[in-house]
């Protein structure tokens, strides 16, 4: 067996419409085609790939129910991201990655799935120069 690449992450929701809006309006993913499964759900696309599958087959029992910790996406537009998250009332935390030109933004979807957006290059360096907290493995509470 050889793994060829990443396919998708599946998140469970108790409110399909709310989850669809979140992934479209907050993350900018596109709601797209999905096979006609018996249970309702949605596939959210990044370009031509459905990277987030939203499932109604089970409702999340708690904010953290298994070993899965979070899903991460590369991003750009840190200032715009902050503004968008604030406009949608989404609490977030930011961290510089130690000894690296990366900057992390962590937040949760309405059902508790943690999402990380990773910014790099000039945006990451500017955030670090502005005094961003360092090392999201310590002190993260989203």
Protein backbone atom coordinates (compact mmCIF):
# COMPACT_ATOMS: atom_id res chain seq x y z
CA UNK A 1 0.00 0.00 0.00
CA UNK A 2 1.11 3.53 -0.75
CA UNK A 3 -0.71 6.66 0.43
CA UNK A 4 -1.01 9.03 -2.51
CA UNK A 5 -2.38 12.16 -0.88
CA UNK A 6 -4.95 13.76 1.35
CA UNK A 7 -8.61 13.23 0.41
CA UNK A 8 -10.94 14.83 2.97
CA UNK A 9 -11.93 15.19 6.60
CA UNK A 10 -15.45 14.30 7.73
CA UNK A 11 -17.11 16.39 10.44
CA UNK A 12 -20.36 15.54 12.21
CA UNK A 13 -23.06 18.11 12.78
CA UNK A 14 -26.45 18.39 14.40
CA UNK A 15 -27.36 21.36 12.17
CA UNK A 16 -26.48 20.90 8.50
CA UNK A 17 -27.50 24.38 7.36
CA UNK A 18 -25.45 26.05 10.09
CA UNK A 19 -22.38 23.92 9.29
CA UNK A 20 -22.69 24.64 5.56
CA UNK A 21 -22.88 28.38 6.22
CA UNK A 22 -19.87 28.25 8.56
CA UNK A 23 -17.60 26.42 6.12
CA UNK A 24 -18.69 28.65 3.23
CA UNK A 25 -18.84 32.04 4.94
CA UNK A 26 -16.03 31.70 7.47
CA UNK A 27 -13.55 29.45 5.63
CA UNK A 28 -14.54 30.36 2.09
CA UNK A 29 -15.08 26.77 0.95
CA UNK A 30 -17.60 26.13 -1.83
CA UNK A 31 -20.68 23.97 -1.22
CA UNK A 32 -20.65 21.52 -4.13
CA UNK A 33 -21.85 18.26 -5.60
CA UNK A 34 -22.39 15.26 -3.33
CA UNK A 35 -23.58 11.75 -4.21
CA UNK A 36 -27.22 11.02 -3.33
CA UNK A 37 -26.56 9.24 -0.04
CA UNK A 38 -29.62 8.35 2.05
CA UNK A 39 -28.65 10.64 4.90
CA UNK A 40 -28.37 14.42 4.42
CA UNK A 41 -24.92 15.93 4.31
CA UNK A 42 -22.72 18.28 2.32
CA UNK A 43 -19.37 18.30 0.57
CA UNK A 44 -17.37 21.52 0.82
CA UNK A 45 -14.81 22.17 -1.88
CA UNK A 46 -11.41 23.84 -2.04
CA UNK A 47 -10.91 24.27 -5.76
CA UNK A 48 -11.92 20.98 -7.37
CA UNK A 49 -11.49 18.79 -4.28
CA UNK A 50 -14.15 18.18 -1.63
CA UNK A 51 -11.90 18.58 1.42
CA UNK A 52 -14.60 18.74 4.12
CA UNK A 53 -17.49 16.28 4.19
CA UNK A 54 -20.26 17.28 6.57
CA UNK A 55 -22.15 14.34 7.99
CA UNK A 56 -25.47 14.15 9.80
CA UNK A 57 -25.12 10.42 10.42
CA UNK A 58 -24.09 11.04 14.02
CA UNK A 59 -24.37 14.07 16.21
CA UNK A 60 -21.26 15.11 18.11
CA UNK A 61 -21.64 14.10 21.76
CA UNK A 62 -19.10 16.59 23.10
CA UNK A 63 -16.54 19.14 22.01
CA UNK A 64 -13.80 16.46 22.07
CA UNK A 65 -14.93 12.87 21.72
CA UNK A 66 -11.96 10.98 20.29
CA UNK A 67 -8.26 11.18 19.41
CA UNK A 68 -8.83 13.47 16.43
CA UNK A 69 -7.50 16.90 17.43
CA UNK A 70 -7.91 19.34 14.54
CA UNK A 71 -7.78 19.91 10.80
CA UNK A 72 -5.37 22.45 9.29
CA UNK A 73 -5.40 24.45 6.05
CA UNK A 74 -2.76 26.69 4.48
CA UNK A 75 -4.10 30.21 4.19
CA UNK A 76 -3.21 33.76 3.22
CA UNK A 77 -4.70 37.09 4.19
CA UNK A 78 -4.14 37.09 7.95
CA UNK A 79 -5.67 40.52 8.56
CA UNK A 80 -8.73 39.65 6.47
CA UNK A 81 -9.05 36.33 8.30
CA UNK A 82 -9.04 38.05 11.68
CA UNK A 83 -11.70 40.49 10.47
CA UNK A 84 -13.86 37.70 9.04
CA UNK A 85 -13.67 35.62 12.21
CA UNK A 86 -14.57 38.65 14.33
CA UNK A 87 -17.45 39.56 12.01
CA UNK A 88 -18.87 36.05 12.48
CA UNK A 89 -18.33 36.13 16.24
CA UNK A 90 -15.78 33.31 16.13
CA UNK A 91 -13.33 33.20 19.06
CA UNK A 92 -9.78 32.45 17.90
CA UNK A 93 -6.24 32.22 19.22
CA UNK A 94 -3.00 32.93 17.39
CA UNK A 95 0.51 31.60 17.81
CA UNK A 96 3.86 31.95 16.08
CA UNK A 97 5.58 28.65 15.37
CA UNK A 98 8.96 28.61 17.18
CA UNK A 99 11.99 29.11 14.93
CA UNK A 100 9.84 29.02 11.80
CA UNK A 101 8.14 31.52 9.48
CA UNK A 102 4.68 30.13 10.24
CA UNK A 103 1.75 31.65 12.10
CA UNK A 104 -1.22 29.61 13.36
CA UNK A 105 -4.82 30.69 13.94
CA UNK A 106 -7.02 28.22 15.87
CA UNK A 107 -10.82 28.27 16.22
CA UNK A 108 -13.77 25.88 16.33
CA UNK A 109 -16.68 25.26 14.00
CA UNK A 110 -20.20 25.42 15.52
CA UNK A 111 -20.07 21.70 16.41
CA UNK A 112 -16.69 21.90 18.16
CA UNK A 113 -14.28 20.70 15.44
CA UNK A 114 -11.04 22.61 15.85
CA UNK A 115 -9.64 24.27 12.73
CA UNK A 116 -6.15 25.64 12.24
CA UNK A 117 -5.21 28.10 9.53
CA UNK A 118 -1.48 28.31 8.77
CA UNK A 119 0.01 31.51 7.37
CA UNK A 120 3.59 31.81 6.16
CA UNK A 121 6.19 34.23 4.86
CA UNK A 122 5.78 37.97 5.34
CA UNK A 123 2.44 37.59 7.17
CA UNK A 124 3.96 35.21 9.70
CA UNK A 125 7.03 37.39 10.20
CA UNK A 126 4.85 40.50 10.70
CA UNK A 127 2.70 38.71 13.29
CA UNK A 128 5.81 37.54 15.14
CA UNK A 129 7.29 41.06 15.06
CA UNK A 130 4.01 42.37 16.51
CA UNK A 131 4.50 40.11 19.51
CA UNK A 132 2.31 37.08 18.74
CA UNK A 133 2.33 34.39 21.41
CA UNK A 134 4.74 31.57 20.58
CA UNK A 135 4.05 27.82 20.57
CA UNK A 136 0.42 26.78 20.22
CA UNK A 137 1.15 23.43 21.86
CA UNK A 138 1.10 25.30 25.17
CA UNK A 139 -1.74 27.52 26.33
CA UNK A 140 -4.19 26.76 23.53
CA UNK A 141 -7.72 26.62 24.90
CA UNK A 142 -10.07 26.88 21.94
